[in-house]
């Protein structure tokens, strides 16, 4: 049983090394793709689908929102 756990641990560590370094971008682009599919399949009676900006624009907005404003001491 211990050998099996060690083998699984090694396999997971090796797979983690092969993972894309920018997984956040990949996840965001997947959400954008889903939103685009929603817009293409939407009917007039459906609620509006989200419109997500490109990842670079999203990162800029996120960075500016996380910075403390100049008005705060």
PDB file of N, CA and C in Angstrom:
ATOM      1  N   UNK A   1       0.821  -1.194   0.000  1.00  0.00           N
ATOM      2  CA  UNK A   1       0.000   0.000   0.000  1.00  0.00           C
ATOM      3  C   UNK A   1       0.866   1.260   0.000  1.00  0.00           C
ATOM      4  N   UNK A   2       1.946   1.224   0.763  1.00  0.00           N
ATOM      5  CA  UNK A   2       2.848   2.371   0.831  1.00  0.00           C
ATOM      6  C   UNK A   2       3.531   2.610  -0.517  1.00  0.00           C
ATOM      7  N   UNK A   3       3.870   1.515  -1.206  1.00  0.00           N
ATOM      8  CA  UNK A   3       4.499   1.656  -2.528  1.00  0.00           C
ATOM      9  C   UNK A   3       3.541   2.312  -3.513  1.00  0.00           C
ATOM     10  N   UNK A   4       2.276   1.941  -3.426  1.00  0.00           N
ATOM     11  CA  UNK A   4       1.282   2.523  -4.334  1.00  0.00           C
ATOM     12  C   UNK A   4       1.127   4.022  -4.065  1.00  0.00           C
ATOM     13  N   UNK A   5       1.088   4.410  -2.808  1.00  0.00           N
ATOM     14  CA  UNK A   5       0.967   5.827  -2.472  1.00  0.00           C
ATOM     15  C   UNK A   5       2.191   6.607  -2.940  1.00  0.00           C
ATOM     16  N   UNK A   6       3.373   6.013  -2.755  1.00  0.00           N
ATOM     17  CA  UNK A   6       4.597   6.678  -3.197  1.00  0.00           C
ATOM     18  C   UNK A   6       4.598   6.830  -4.713  1.00  0.00           C
ATOM     19  N   UNK A   7       4.135   5.812  -5.421  1.00  0.00           N
ATOM     20  CA  UNK A   7       4.074   5.875  -6.883  1.00  0.00           C
ATOM     21  C   UNK A   7       3.096   6.955  -7.332  1.00  0.00           C
ATOM     22  N   UNK A   8       1.953   7.021  -6.687  1.00  0.00           N
ATOM     23  CA  UNK A   8       0.965   8.058  -7.030  1.00  0.00           C
ATOM     24  C   UNK A   8       1.504   9.453  -6.730  1.00  0.00           C
ATOM     25  N   UNK A   9       2.179   9.603  -5.616  1.00  0.00           N
ATOM     26  CA  UNK A   9       2.754  10.894  -5.259  1.00  0.00           C
ATOM     27  C   UNK A   9       3.780  11.341  -6.300  1.00  0.00           C
ATOM     28  N   UNK A  10       4.636  10.438  -6.701  1.00  0.00           N
ATOM     29  CA  UNK A  10       5.644  10.763  -7.726  1.00  0.00           C
ATOM     30  C   UNK A  10       4.965  11.123  -9.041  1.00  0.00           C
ATOM     31  N   UNK A  11       3.927  10.375  -9.409  1.00  0.00           N
ATOM     32  CA  UNK A  11       3.214  10.653 -10.661  1.00  0.00           C
ATOM     33  C   UNK A  11       2.571  12.040 -10.620  1.00  0.00           C
ATOM     34  N   UNK A  12       1.939  12.380  -9.508  1.00  0.00           N
ATOM     35  CA  UNK A  12       1.311  13.701  -9.381  1.00  0.00           C
ATOM     36  C   UNK A  12       2.344  14.824  -9.416  1.00  0.00           C
ATOM     37  N   UNK A  13       3.462  14.619  -8.780  1.00  0.00           N
ATOM     38  CA  UNK A  13       4.512  15.640  -8.798  1.00  0.00           C
ATOM     39  C   UNK A  13       5.064  15.834 -10.206  1.00  0.00           C
ATOM     40  N   UNK A  14       5.222  14.745 -10.927  1.00  0.00           N
ATOM     41  CA  UNK A  14       5.711  14.858 -12.309  1.00  0.00           C
ATOM     42  C   UNK A  14       4.693  15.575 -13.191  1.00  0.00           C
ATOM     43  N   UNK A  15       3.424  15.253 -13.019  1.00  0.00           N
ATOM     44  CA  UNK A  15       2.384  15.914 -13.811  1.00  0.00           C
ATOM     45  C   UNK A  15       2.273  17.388 -13.452  1.00  0.00           C
ATOM     46  N   UNK A  16       2.466  17.724 -12.196  1.00  0.00           N
ATOM     47  CA  UNK A  16       2.410  19.126 -11.794  1.00  0.00           C
ATOM     48  C   UNK A  16       3.531  19.912 -12.451  1.00  0.00           C
ATOM     49  N   UNK A  17       4.659  19.295 -12.669  1.00  0.00           N
ATOM     50  CA  UNK A  17       5.767  19.960 -13.343  1.00  0.00           C
ATOM     51  C   UNK A  17       5.473  20.238 -14.801  1.00  0.00           C
ATOM     52  N   UNK A  18       4.576  19.477 -15.389  1.00  0.00           N
ATOM     53  CA  UNK A  18       4.212  19.658 -16.799  1.00  0.00           C
ATOM     54  C   UNK A  18       3.068  20.650 -16.976  1.00  0.00           C
ATOM     55  N   UNK A  19       2.495  21.093 -15.900  1.00  0.00           N
ATOM     56  CA  UNK A  19       1.339  21.986 -15.977  1.00  0.00           C
ATOM     57  C   UNK A  19       1.750  23.343 -16.531  1.00  0.00           C
ATOM     58  N   UNK A  20       0.809  23.982 -17.170  1.00  0.00           N
ATOM     59  CA  UNK A  20       1.032  25.320 -17.698  1.00  0.00           C
ATOM     60  C   UNK A  20       1.255  26.280 -16.535  1.00  0.00           C
ATOM     61  N   UNK A  21       2.260  27.121 -16.647  1.00  0.00           N
ATOM     62  CA  UNK A  21       2.572  28.045 -15.565  1.00  0.00           C
ATOM     63  C   UNK A  21       1.495  29.104 -15.395  1.00  0.00           C
ATOM     64  N   UNK A  22       0.828  29.446 -16.468  1.00  0.00           N
ATOM     65  CA  UNK A  22      -0.188  30.488 -16.407  1.00  0.00           C
ATOM     66  C   UNK A  22      -1.578  29.855 -16.385  1.00  0.00           C
ATOM     67  N   UNK A  23      -1.865  29.058 -15.362  1.00  0.00           N
ATOM     68  CA  UNK A  23      -3.143  28.363 -15.279  1.00  0.00           C
ATOM     69  C   UNK A  23      -4.295  29.331 -15.054  1.00  0.00           C
ATOM     70  N   UNK A  24      -4.020  30.476 -14.447  1.00  0.00           N
ATOM     71  CA  UNK A  24      -5.086  31.445 -14.226  1.00  0.00           C
ATOM     72  C   UNK A  24      -5.604  31.990 -15.557  1.00  0.00           C
ATOM     73  N   UNK A  25      -4.689  32.240 -16.481  1.00  0.00           N
ATOM     74  CA  UNK A  25      -5.096  32.727 -17.804  1.00  0.00           C
ATOM     75  C   UNK A  25      -5.913  31.668 -18.534  1.00  0.00           C
ATOM     76  N   UNK A  26      -5.478  30.420 -18.446  1.00  0.00           N
ATOM     77  CA  UNK A  26      -6.203  29.336 -19.109  1.00  0.00           C
ATOM     78  C   UNK A  26      -7.613  29.195 -18.539  1.00  0.00           C
ATOM     79  N   UNK A  27      -7.744  29.306 -17.241  1.00  0.00           N
ATOM     80  CA  UNK A  27      -9.050  29.219 -16.605  1.00  0.00           C
ATOM     81  C   UNK A  27      -9.943  30.376 -17.047  1.00  0.00           C
ATOM     82  N   UNK A  28      -9.380  31.589 -17.093  1.00  0.00           N
ATOM     83  CA  UNK A  28     -10.147  32.765 -17.508  1.00  0.00           C
ATOM     84  C   UNK A  28     -10.579  32.633 -18.972  1.00  0.00           C
ATOM     85  N   UNK A  29      -9.679  32.170 -19.824  1.00  0.00           N
ATOM     86  CA  UNK A  29     -10.027  32.020 -21.239  1.00  0.00           C
ATOM     87  C   UNK A  29     -11.116  30.964 -21.420  1.00  0.00           C
ATOM     88  N   UNK A  30     -11.125  29.946 -20.564  1.00  0.00           N
ATOM     89  CA  UNK A  30     -12.206  28.964 -20.605  1.00  0.00           C
ATOM     90  C   UNK A  30     -13.539  29.589 -20.253  1.00  0.00           C
ATOM     91  N   UNK A  31     -13.537  30.484 -19.294  1.00  0.00           N
ATOM     92  CA  UNK A  31     -14.765  31.195 -18.934  1.00  0.00           C
ATOM     93  C   UNK A  31     -15.217  32.099 -20.074  1.00  0.00           C
ATOM     94  N   UNK A  32     -14.260  32.759 -20.727  1.00  0.00           N
ATOM     95  CA  UNK A  32     -14.612  33.613 -21.870  1.00  0.00           C
ATOM     96  C   UNK A  32     -15.220  32.787 -22.989  1.00  0.00           C
ATOM     97  N   UNK A  33     -14.670  31.606 -23.221  1.00  0.00           N
ATOM     98  CA  UNK A  33     -15.179  30.716 -24.262  1.00  0.00           C
ATOM     99  C   UNK A  33     -16.615  30.289 -23.949  1.00  0.00           C
ATOM    100  N   UNK A  34     -16.869  29.966 -22.695  1.00  0.00           N
ATOM    101  CA  UNK A  34     -18.215  29.576 -22.286  1.00  0.00           C
ATOM    102  C   UNK A  34     -19.189  30.736 -22.468  1.00  0.00           C
ATOM    103  N   UNK A  35     -18.773  31.941 -22.129  1.00  0.00           N
ATOM    104  CA  UNK A  35     -19.628  33.113 -22.298  1.00  0.00           C
ATOM    105  C   UNK A  35     -19.914  33.358 -23.778  1.00  0.00           C
ATOM    106  N   UNK A  36     -18.931  33.141 -24.627  1.00  0.00           N
ATOM    107  CA  UNK A  36     -19.124  33.313 -26.076  1.00  0.00           C
ATOM    108  C   UNK A  36     -20.118  32.283 -26.609  1.00  0.00           C
ATOM    109  N   UNK A  37     -20.006  31.048 -26.150  1.00  0.00           N
ATOM    110  CA  UNK A  37     -20.960  30.013 -26.557  1.00  0.00           C
ATOM    111  C   UNK A  37     -22.365  30.362 -26.089  1.00  0.00           C
ATOM    112  N   UNK A  38     -22.469  30.924 -24.905  1.00  0.00           N
ATOM    113  CA  UNK A  38     -23.765  31.352 -24.377  1.00  0.00           C
ATOM    114  C   UNK A  38     -24.376  32.415 -25.292  1.00  0.00           C
ATOM    115  N   UNK A  39     -23.575  33.394 -25.690  1.00  0.00           N
ATOM    116  CA  UNK A  39     -24.085  34.464 -26.558  1.00  0.00           C
ATOM    117  C   UNK A  39     -24.531  33.917 -27.912  1.00  0.00           C
ATOM    118  N   UNK A  40     -23.811  32.939 -28.441  1.00  0.00           N
ATOM    119  CA  UNK A  40     -24.157  32.386 -29.746  1.00  0.00           C
ATOM    120  C   UNK A  40     -25.443  31.561 -29.698  1.00  0.00           C
ATOM    121  N   UNK A  41     -25.699  30.911 -28.568  1.00  0.00           N
ATOM    122  CA  UNK A  41     -26.865  30.046 -28.452  1.00  0.00           C
ATOM    123  C   UNK A  41     -28.043  30.741 -27.768  1.00  0.00           C
ATOM    124  N   UNK A  42     -27.903  31.997 -27.391  1.00  0.00           N
ATOM    125  CA  UNK A  42     -28.935  32.690 -26.622  1.00  0.00           C
ATOM    126  C   UNK A  42     -30.161  32.997 -27.468  1.00  0.00           C
ATOM    127  N   UNK A  43     -31.296  32.909 -26.811  1.00  0.00           N
ATOM    128  CA  UNK A  43     -32.557  33.317 -27.424  1.00  0.00           C
ATOM    129  C   UNK A  43     -32.984  34.629 -26.790  1.00  0.00           C
ATOM    130  N   UNK A  44     -33.927  35.272 -27.363  1.00  0.00           N
ATOM    131  CA  UNK A  44     -34.377  36.584 -26.860  1.00  0.00           C
ATOM    132  C   UNK A  44     -34.937  36.485 -25.450  1.00  0.00           C
ATOM    133  N   UNK A  45     -35.520  35.355 -25.098  1.00  0.00           N
ATOM    134  CA  UNK A  45     -36.133  35.211 -23.776  1.00  0.00           C
ATOM    135  C   UNK A  45     -35.120  34.832 -22.693  1.00  0.00           C
ATOM    136  N   UNK A  46     -33.898  34.492 -23.074  1.00  0.00           N
ATOM    137  CA  UNK A  46     -32.870  34.110 -22.100  1.00  0.00           C
ATOM    138  C   UNK A  46     -32.289  35.332 -21.401  1.00  0.00           C
ATOM    139  N   UNK A  47     -31.800  35.164 -20.170  1.00  0.00           N
ATOM    140  CA  UNK A  47     -31.117  36.288 -19.510  1.00  0.00           C
ATOM    141  C   UNK A  47     -29.826  36.614 -20.268  1.00  0.00           C
ATOM    142  N   UNK A  48     -29.353  37.839 -20.169  1.00  0.00           N
ATOM    143  CA  UNK A  48     -28.147  38.215 -20.927  1.00  0.00           C
ATOM    144  C   UNK A  48     -26.915  37.418 -20.470  1.00  0.00           C
ATOM    145  N   UNK A  49     -26.085  37.093 -21.421  1.00  0.00           N
ATOM    146  CA  UNK A  49     -24.845  36.367 -21.133  1.00  0.00           C
ATOM    147  C   UNK A  49     -23.770  37.370 -20.722  1.00  0.00           C
ATOM    148  N   UNK A  50     -22.847  36.943 -19.869  1.00  0.00           N
ATOM    149  CA  UNK A  50     -21.786  37.866 -19.452  1.00  0.00           C
ATOM    150  C   UNK A  50     -20.850  38.184 -20.611  1.00  0.00           C
ATOM    151  N   UNK A  51     -20.343  39.384 -20.629  1.00  0.00           N
ATOM    152  CA  UNK A  51     -19.357  39.776 -21.635  1.00  0.00           C
ATOM    153  C   UNK A  51     -18.057  40.043 -20.894  1.00  0.00           C
ATOM    154  N   UNK A  52     -17.095  39.179 -21.104  1.00  0.00           N
ATOM    155  CA  UNK A  52     -15.828  39.262 -20.393  1.00  0.00           C
ATOM    156  C   UNK A  52     -14.759  39.883 -21.284  1.00  0.00           C
ATOM    157  N   UNK A  53     -13.967  40.807 -20.748  1.00  0.00           N
ATOM    158  CA  UNK A  53     -12.893  41.409 -21.548  1.00  0.00           C
ATOM    159  C   UNK A  53     -11.749  40.422 -21.755  1.00  0.00           C
ATOM    160  N   UNK A  54     -10.834  40.762 -22.618  1.00  0.00           N
ATOM    161  CA  UNK A  54      -9.650  39.933 -22.838  1.00  0.00           C
ATOM    162  C   UNK A  54      -8.853  39.829 -21.535  1.00  0.00           C
ATOM    163  N   UNK A  55      -8.043  38.796 -21.407  1.00  0.00           N
ATOM    164  CA  UNK A  55      -7.318  38.552 -20.162  1.00  0.00           C
ATOM    165  C   UNK A  55      -6.396  39.705 -19.796  1.00  0.00           C
ATOM    166  N   UNK A  56      -5.734  40.290 -20.787  1.00  0.00           N
ATOM    167  CA  UNK A  56      -4.823  41.408 -20.504  1.00  0.00           C
ATOM    168  C   UNK A  56      -5.575  42.597 -19.900  1.00  0.00           C
ATOM    169  N   UNK A  57      -6.745  42.902 -20.446  1.00  0.00           N
ATOM    170  CA  UNK A  57      -7.571  43.982 -19.909  1.00  0.00           C
ATOM    171  C   UNK A  57      -8.053  43.629 -18.501  1.00  0.00           C
ATOM    172  N   UNK A  58      -8.433  42.375 -18.312  1.00  0.00           N
ATOM    173  CA  UNK A  58      -8.870  41.904 -16.999  1.00  0.00           C
ATOM    174  C   UNK A  58      -7.756  42.066 -15.968  1.00  0.00           C
ATOM    175  N   UNK A  59      -6.529  41.719 -16.342  1.00  0.00           N
ATOM    176  CA  UNK A  59      -5.387  41.856 -15.436  1.00  0.00           C
ATOM    177  C   UNK A  59      -5.136  43.323 -15.074  1.00  0.00           C
ATOM    178  N   UNK A  60      -5.254  44.224 -16.057  1.00  0.00           N
ATOM    179  CA  UNK A  60      -5.063  45.649 -15.788  1.00  0.00           C
ATOM    180  C   UNK A  60      -6.107  46.158 -14.802  1.00  0.00           C
ATOM    181  N   UNK A  61      -7.368  45.781 -15.030  1.00  0.00           N
ATOM    182  CA  UNK A  61      -8.440  46.214 -14.134  1.00  0.00           C
ATOM    183  C   UNK A  61      -8.243  45.630 -12.738  1.00  0.00           C
ATOM    184  N   UNK A  62      -7.836  44.394 -12.669  1.00  0.00           N
ATOM    185  CA  UNK A  62      -7.623  43.733 -11.388  1.00  0.00           C
ATOM    186  C   UNK A  62      -6.458  44.368 -10.625  1.00  0.00           C
ATOM    187  N   UNK A  63      -5.389  44.706 -11.347  1.00  0.00           N
ATOM    188  CA  UNK A  63      -4.229  45.329 -10.708  1.00  0.00           C
ATOM    189  C   UNK A  63      -4.578  46.725 -10.202  1.00  0.00           C
ATOM    190  N   UNK A  64      -5.331  47.477 -10.987  1.00  0.00           N
ATOM    191  CA  UNK A  64      -5.681  48.839 -10.557  1.00  0.00           C
ATOM    192  C   UNK A  64      -6.658  48.802  -9.382  1.00  0.00           C
ATOM    193  N   UNK A  65      -7.502  47.782  -9.315  1.00  0.00           N
ATOM    194  CA  UNK A  65      -8.444  47.674  -8.203  1.00  0.00           C
ATOM    195  C   UNK A  65      -7.749  47.261  -6.909  1.00  0.00           C
ATOM    196  N   UNK A  66      -6.639  46.534  -7.032  1.00  0.00           N
ATOM    197  CA  UNK A  66      -5.956  46.067  -5.826  1.00  0.00           C
ATOM    198  C   UNK A  66      -4.981  47.092  -5.266  1.00  0.00           C
ATOM    199  N   UNK A  67      -4.626  48.112  -6.052  1.00  0.00           N
ATOM    200  CA  UNK A  67      -3.720  49.163  -5.572  1.00  0.00           C
ATOM    201  C   UNK A  67      -4.480  50.090  -4.630  1.00  0.00           C
ATOM    202  N   UNK A  68      -3.852  50.510  -3.540  1.00  0.00           N
ATOM    203  CA  UNK A  68      -4.520  51.481  -2.669  1.00  0.00           C
ATOM    204  C   UNK A  68      -4.601  52.829  -3.382  1.00  0.00           C
ATOM    205  N   UNK A  69      -5.704  53.512  -3.191  1.00  0.00           N
ATOM    206  CA  UNK A  69      -5.863  54.796  -3.868  1.00  0.00           C
ATOM    207  C   UNK A  69      -4.983  55.865  -3.201  1.00  0.00           C
ATOM    208  N   UNK A  70      -4.670  56.914  -3.931  1.00  0.00           N
ATOM    209  CA  UNK A  70      -3.801  57.983  -3.444  1.00  0.00           C
ATOM    210  C   UNK A  70      -4.485  58.812  -2.353  1.00  0.00           C
ATOM    211  N   UNK A  71      -5.819  58.795  -2.304  1.00  0.00           N
ATOM    212  CA  UNK A  71      -6.548  59.591  -1.328  1.00  0.00           C
ATOM    213  C   UNK A  71      -6.443  59.008   0.079  1.00  0.00           C
ATOM    214  N   UNK A  72      -6.152  57.721   0.174  1.00  0.00           N
ATOM    215  CA  UNK A  72      -6.036  57.093   1.487  1.00  0.00           C
ATOM    216  C   UNK A  72      -4.646  57.331   2.052  1.00  0.00           C
ATOM    217  N   UNK A  73      -4.551  57.656   3.349  1.00  0.00           N
ATOM    218  CA  UNK A  73      -3.218  57.910   3.960  1.00  0.00           C
ATOM    219  C   UNK A  73      -2.455  56.636   4.182  1.00  0.00           C
TER     220      UNK A  73
END
